[in-house]
Amino acid sequence: MEINISRLSDGRYSYQFEEPVSQLDEEQVVSSLKVDCTLDKAFENHVFHVKVDFEAEVPCDRCLGPAHLHLTNELVFTLSRSEELKGNDLDPDFRYLAPDQNKIDIRPDVLDTVRLAFPMKVICKEECLGICLICGKNKNTEPCECSDEKIDPRWEKLLKLKKN
């Protein structure tokens, strides 16, 4: 996903990339990764607007079955030839671009954007019942006879008295 910037005049440019799954390092991505990139060039600044779109399959956090997701994410970052950004480590959205650099590889930024697109909790469906904590059966596929009622051991002797 390299963009040649050596002969670009000021203005807006659009690029589209489509990476097959075999080219990606991400195991969860099951469809080809579609990347729409817009480059706004003005003077020494190159502003990138990147949008990624892909399908993924990850384990459900409740039942461990497959969860299919359609994910999109966006990223904006600026590369500049300004000497002021040469030692900038504070803001990753503004980076220094060396005067002799003619190509920009946005692949690392795209992969970071893909990783950030995944939600913290994944559920296969809203009605997912999960796994039984006692017997380990998937409650979505087979019934479970276990009781979810836990008894605090401090009250156990009182329950015995109540039953008698």
C-alpha atoms as a PDB file:
ATOM      1  CA  MET A   1       0.000   0.000   0.000  1.00  0.00           C
ATOM      2  CA  GLU A   2       2.584   2.473  -1.162  1.00  0.00           C
ATOM      3  CA  ILE A   3       1.788   5.910  -2.496  1.00  0.00           C
ATOM      4  CA  ASN A   4       4.301   7.748  -4.656  1.00  0.00           C
ATOM      5  CA  ILE A   5       4.332  11.429  -3.604  1.00  0.00           C
ATOM      6  CA  SER A   6       7.408  12.584  -5.556  1.00  0.00           C
ATOM      7  CA  ARG A   7       5.556  14.486  -8.300  1.00  0.00           C
ATOM      8  CA  LEU A   8       2.277  15.414  -6.642  1.00  0.00           C
ATOM      9  CA  SER A   9       1.207  19.011  -6.929  1.00  0.00           C
ATOM     10  CA  ASP A  10      -1.008  20.590  -4.270  1.00  0.00           C
ATOM     11  CA  GLY A  11      -4.529  19.192  -4.299  1.00  0.00           C
ATOM     12  CA  ARG A  12      -6.659  16.204  -3.357  1.00  0.00           C
ATOM     13  CA  TYR A  13      -5.961  12.652  -4.523  1.00  0.00           C
ATOM     14  CA  SER A  14      -7.932   9.424  -3.991  1.00  0.00           C
ATOM     15  CA  TYR A  15      -6.538   5.921  -3.764  1.00  0.00           C
ATOM     16  CA  GLN A  16      -8.260   2.558  -3.335  1.00  0.00           C
ATOM     17  CA  PHE A  17      -6.538  -0.601  -2.201  1.00  0.00           C
ATOM     18  CA  GLU A  18      -7.888  -4.114  -1.784  1.00  0.00           C
ATOM     19  CA  GLU A  19      -5.727  -6.608   0.058  1.00  0.00           C
ATOM     20  CA  PRO A  20      -6.562 -10.337  -0.038  1.00  0.00           C
ATOM     21  CA  VAL A  21      -6.716 -12.156   3.300  1.00  0.00           C
ATOM     22  CA  SER A  22      -3.491 -14.057   2.569  1.00  0.00           C
ATOM     23  CA  GLN A  23      -1.607 -10.734   2.483  1.00  0.00           C
ATOM     24  CA  LEU A  24      -2.792  -9.674   5.940  1.00  0.00           C
ATOM     25  CA  ASP A  25      -1.214 -10.530   9.269  1.00  0.00           C
ATOM     26  CA  GLU A  26      -4.611 -10.462  10.973  1.00  0.00           C
ATOM     27  CA  GLU A  27      -6.025 -13.966  11.525  1.00  0.00           C
ATOM     28  CA  GLN A  28      -9.574 -12.789  12.270  1.00  0.00           C
ATOM     29  CA  VAL A  29     -10.103 -11.007   8.933  1.00  0.00           C
ATOM     30  CA  VAL A  30     -12.027 -13.286   6.582  1.00  0.00           C
ATOM     31  CA  SER A  31     -12.755 -10.988   3.649  1.00  0.00           C
ATOM     32  CA  SER A  32     -10.477  -8.837   1.601  1.00  0.00           C
ATOM     33  CA  LEU A  33      -9.619  -5.559   3.236  1.00  0.00           C
ATOM     34  CA  LYS A  34     -10.949  -2.533   1.348  1.00  0.00           C
ATOM     35  CA  VAL A  35      -9.072   0.717   1.935  1.00  0.00           C
ATOM     36  CA  ASP A  36     -10.213   4.128   0.708  1.00  0.00           C
ATOM     37  CA  CYS A  37      -7.530   6.752   1.106  1.00  0.00           C
ATOM     38  CA  THR A  38      -7.754  10.465   0.382  1.00  0.00           C
ATOM     39  CA  LEU A  39      -4.567  12.520   0.335  1.00  0.00           C
ATOM     40  CA  ASP A  40      -4.756  16.293   0.702  1.00  0.00           C
ATOM     41  CA  LYS A  41      -1.433  17.877  -0.229  1.00  0.00           C
ATOM     42  CA  ALA A  42      -0.725  21.495   0.612  1.00  0.00           C
ATOM     43  CA  PHE A  43       2.809  22.907   0.635  1.00  0.00           C
ATOM     44  CA  GLU A  44       4.914  20.584   2.817  1.00  0.00           C
ATOM     45  CA  ASN A  45       1.949  18.794   4.420  1.00  0.00           C
ATOM     46  CA  HIS A  46       0.302  15.549   3.369  1.00  0.00           C
ATOM     47  CA  VAL A  47      -2.974  14.844   5.201  1.00  0.00           C
ATOM     48  CA  PHE A  48      -4.250  11.270   4.884  1.00  0.00           C
ATOM     49  CA  HIS A  49      -7.891  10.250   5.472  1.00  0.00           C
ATOM     50  CA  VAL A  50      -7.996   6.454   5.562  1.00  0.00           C
ATOM     51  CA  LYS A  51     -11.141   4.308   5.822  1.00  0.00           C
ATOM     52  CA  VAL A  52     -10.978   0.519   6.166  1.00  0.00           C
ATOM     53  CA  ASP A  53     -13.855  -1.900   5.578  1.00  0.00           C
ATOM     54  CA  PHE A  54     -13.742  -5.679   6.145  1.00  0.00           C
ATOM     55  CA  GLU A  55     -15.513  -8.793   7.438  1.00  0.00           C
ATOM     56  CA  ALA A  56     -14.157 -10.701  10.425  1.00  0.00           C
ATOM     57  CA  GLU A  57     -14.880 -13.858  12.376  1.00  0.00           C
ATOM     58  CA  VAL A  58     -13.934 -13.959  16.060  1.00  0.00           C
ATOM     59  CA  PRO A  59     -15.013 -16.118  19.016  1.00  0.00           C
ATOM     60  CA  CYS A  60     -18.083 -14.959  20.927  1.00  0.00           C
ATOM     61  CA  ASP A  61     -17.232 -13.817  24.451  1.00  0.00           C
ATOM     62  CA  ARG A  62     -20.284 -15.614  25.886  1.00  0.00           C
ATOM     63  CA  CYS A  63     -20.417 -18.989  24.116  1.00  0.00           C
ATOM     64  CA  LEU A  64     -17.047 -19.182  22.279  1.00  0.00           C
ATOM     65  CA  GLY A  65     -18.877 -19.880  19.001  1.00  0.00           C
ATOM     66  CA  PRO A  66     -18.071 -17.934  15.839  1.00  0.00           C
ATOM     67  CA  ALA A  67     -19.256 -14.327  15.670  1.00  0.00           C
ATOM     68  CA  HIS A  68     -19.390 -12.687  12.232  1.00  0.00           C
ATOM     69  CA  LEU A  69     -18.703  -8.948  12.154  1.00  0.00           C
ATOM     70  CA  HIS A  70     -18.752  -6.260   9.495  1.00  0.00           C
ATOM     71  CA  LEU A  71     -16.278  -3.631  10.664  1.00  0.00           C
ATOM     72  CA  THR A  72     -15.220  -0.205   9.470  1.00  0.00           C
ATOM     73  CA  ASN A  73     -12.806   2.280  10.964  1.00  0.00           C
ATOM     74  CA  GLU A  74     -11.212   5.564   9.985  1.00  0.00           C
ATOM     75  CA  LEU A  75      -7.873   7.224  10.566  1.00  0.00           C
ATOM     76  CA  VAL A  76      -6.530  10.705   9.880  1.00  0.00           C
ATOM     77  CA  PHE A  77      -2.837  11.530  10.079  1.00  0.00           C
ATOM     78  CA  THR A  78      -0.486  14.184   8.722  1.00  0.00           C
ATOM     79  CA  LEU A  79       2.998  13.834   7.301  1.00  0.00           C
ATOM     80  CA  SER A  80       4.978  17.041   7.054  1.00  0.00           C
ATOM     81  CA  ARG A  81       8.397  18.073   5.829  1.00  0.00           C
ATOM     82  CA  SER A  82       8.471  20.784   8.494  1.00  0.00           C
ATOM     83  CA  GLU A  83      11.658  20.622  10.580  1.00  0.00           C
ATOM     84  CA  GLU A  84       9.615  21.340  13.731  1.00  0.00           C
ATOM     85  CA  LEU A  85       8.183  17.793  13.617  1.00  0.00           C
ATOM     86  CA  LYS A  86      11.575  16.114  13.246  1.00  0.00           C
ATOM     87  CA  GLY A  87      11.788  15.004  16.877  1.00  0.00           C
ATOM     88  CA  ASN A  88       8.048  14.779  17.523  1.00  0.00           C
ATOM     89  CA  ASP A  89       7.225  11.658  19.520  1.00  0.00           C
ATOM     90  CA  LEU A  90       4.285  13.156  21.398  1.00  0.00           C
ATOM     91  CA  ASP A  91       1.596  13.166  18.728  1.00  0.00           C
ATOM     92  CA  PRO A  92       1.421  10.119  16.414  1.00  0.00           C
ATOM     93  CA  ASP A  93      -1.048  11.931  14.148  1.00  0.00           C
ATOM     94  CA  PHE A  94       1.681  14.379  13.045  1.00  0.00           C
ATOM     95  CA  ARG A  95       4.882  12.840  11.709  1.00  0.00           C
ATOM     96  CA  TYR A  96       8.004  14.094  10.054  1.00  0.00           C
ATOM     97  CA  LEU A  97       8.501  13.305   6.373  1.00  0.00           C
ATOM     98  CA  ALA A  98      12.133  13.309   5.262  1.00  0.00           C
ATOM     99  CA  PRO A  99      12.934  15.526   2.239  1.00  0.00           C
ATOM    100  CA  ASP A 100      14.318  12.571   0.261  1.00  0.00           C
ATOM    101  CA  GLN A 101      11.326  10.293   0.959  1.00  0.00           C
ATOM    102  CA  ASN A 102       9.326   9.775  -2.250  1.00  0.00           C
ATOM    103  CA  LYS A 103       7.025   6.911  -1.246  1.00  0.00           C
ATOM    104  CA  ILE A 104       4.731   6.499   1.731  1.00  0.00           C
ATOM    105  CA  ASP A 105       3.720   3.051   2.921  1.00  0.00           C
ATOM    106  CA  ILE A 106       0.380   3.310   4.745  1.00  0.00           C
ATOM    107  CA  ARG A 107       0.220  -0.445   5.451  1.00  0.00           C
ATOM    108  CA  PRO A 108       1.304  -0.196   9.148  1.00  0.00           C
ATOM    109  CA  ASP A 109      -1.283   2.544   9.740  1.00  0.00           C
ATOM    110  CA  VAL A 110      -3.983   0.487   8.012  1.00  0.00           C
ATOM    111  CA  LEU A 111      -3.185  -2.616  10.097  1.00  0.00           C
ATOM    112  CA  ASP A 112      -3.336  -0.540  13.287  1.00  0.00           C
ATOM    113  CA  THR A 113      -6.706   0.791  12.169  1.00  0.00           C
ATOM    114  CA  VAL A 114      -7.920  -2.766  11.528  1.00  0.00           C
ATOM    115  CA  ARG A 115      -6.852  -3.838  15.027  1.00  0.00           C
ATOM    116  CA  LEU A 116      -8.617  -0.857  16.577  1.00  0.00           C
ATOM    117  CA  ALA A 117     -11.849  -1.636  14.712  1.00  0.00           C
ATOM    118  CA  PHE A 118     -12.531  -4.743  16.803  1.00  0.00           C
ATOM    119  CA  PRO A 119     -14.902  -4.162  19.720  1.00  0.00           C
ATOM    120  CA  MET A 120     -13.801  -5.008  23.251  1.00  0.00           C
ATOM    121  CA  LYS A 121     -16.726  -7.420  23.748  1.00  0.00           C
ATOM    122  CA  VAL A 122     -18.001  -9.573  20.896  1.00  0.00           C
ATOM    123  CA  ILE A 123     -21.353 -11.345  21.065  1.00  0.00           C
ATOM    124  CA  CYS A 124     -22.523 -13.673  18.297  1.00  0.00           C
ATOM    125  CA  LYS A 125     -26.158 -12.609  18.717  1.00  0.00           C
ATOM    126  CA  GLU A 126     -28.043 -10.512  21.229  1.00  0.00           C
ATOM    127  CA  GLU A 127     -29.929 -13.557  22.555  1.00  0.00           C
ATOM    128  CA  CYS A 128     -26.730 -15.567  23.216  1.00  0.00           C
ATOM    129  CA  LEU A 129     -27.099 -17.594  26.417  1.00  0.00           C
ATOM    130  CA  GLY A 130     -23.411 -18.382  26.830  1.00  0.00           C
ATOM    131  CA  ILE A 131     -21.735 -21.369  28.444  1.00  0.00           C
ATOM    132  CA  CYS A 132     -22.861 -23.038  31.668  1.00  0.00           C
ATOM    133  CA  LEU A 133     -20.360 -22.214  34.373  1.00  0.00           C
ATOM    134  CA  ILE A 134     -20.897 -25.586  36.041  1.00  0.00           C
ATOM    135  CA  CYS A 135     -20.978 -28.224  33.286  1.00  0.00           C
ATOM    136  CA  GLY A 136     -19.481 -26.218  30.385  1.00  0.00           C
ATOM    137  CA  LYS A 137     -22.277 -26.895  27.865  1.00  0.00           C
ATOM    138  CA  ASN A 138     -23.154 -24.276  25.290  1.00  0.00           C
ATOM    139  CA  LYS A 139     -26.662 -23.200  26.354  1.00  0.00           C
ATOM    140  CA  ASN A 140     -27.484 -22.108  22.777  1.00  0.00           C
ATOM    141  CA  THR A 141     -27.134 -25.623  21.358  1.00  0.00           C
ATOM    142  CA  GLU A 142     -28.071 -27.977  24.208  1.00  0.00           C
ATOM    143  CA  PRO A 143     -30.101 -27.618  27.387  1.00  0.00           C
ATOM    144  CA  CYS A 144     -28.404 -27.611  30.746  1.00  0.00           C
ATOM    145  CA  GLU A 145     -29.902 -29.008  33.960  1.00  0.00           C
ATOM    146  CA  CYS A 146     -27.471 -27.247  36.284  1.00  0.00           C
ATOM    147  CA  SER A 147     -28.726 -24.794  38.858  1.00  0.00           C
ATOM    148  CA  ASP A 148     -27.355 -21.276  38.596  1.00  0.00           C
ATOM    149  CA  GLU A 149     -28.263 -20.654  42.217  1.00  0.00           C
ATOM    150  CA  LYS A 150     -25.144 -20.328  44.369  1.00  0.00           C
ATOM    151  CA  ILE A 151     -25.362 -20.650  48.123  1.00  0.00           C
ATOM    152  CA  ASP A 152     -23.075 -18.624  50.318  1.00  0.00           C
ATOM    153  CA  PRO A 153     -21.307 -21.125  52.604  1.00  0.00           C
ATOM    154  CA  ARG A 154     -21.854 -18.814  55.593  1.00  0.00           C
ATOM    155  CA  TRP A 155     -25.632 -19.331  55.312  1.00  0.00           C
ATOM    156  CA  GLU A 156     -25.531 -23.048  54.608  1.00  0.00           C
ATOM    157  CA  LYS A 157     -26.148 -24.118  58.254  1.00  0.00           C
ATOM    158  CA  LEU A 158     -29.156 -21.783  58.494  1.00  0.00           C
ATOM    159  CA  LEU A 159     -30.620 -23.320  55.330  1.00  0.00           C
ATOM    160  CA  LYS A 160     -30.299 -26.770  56.877  1.00  0.00           C
ATOM    161  CA  LEU A 161     -32.216 -25.530  59.935  1.00  0.00           C
ATOM    162  CA  LYS A 162     -34.896 -24.044  57.699  1.00  0.00           C
ATOM    163  CA  LYS A 163     -35.339 -27.343  55.835  1.00  0.00           C
ATOM    164  CA  ASN A 164     -35.762 -29.312  59.121  1.00  0.00           C
END
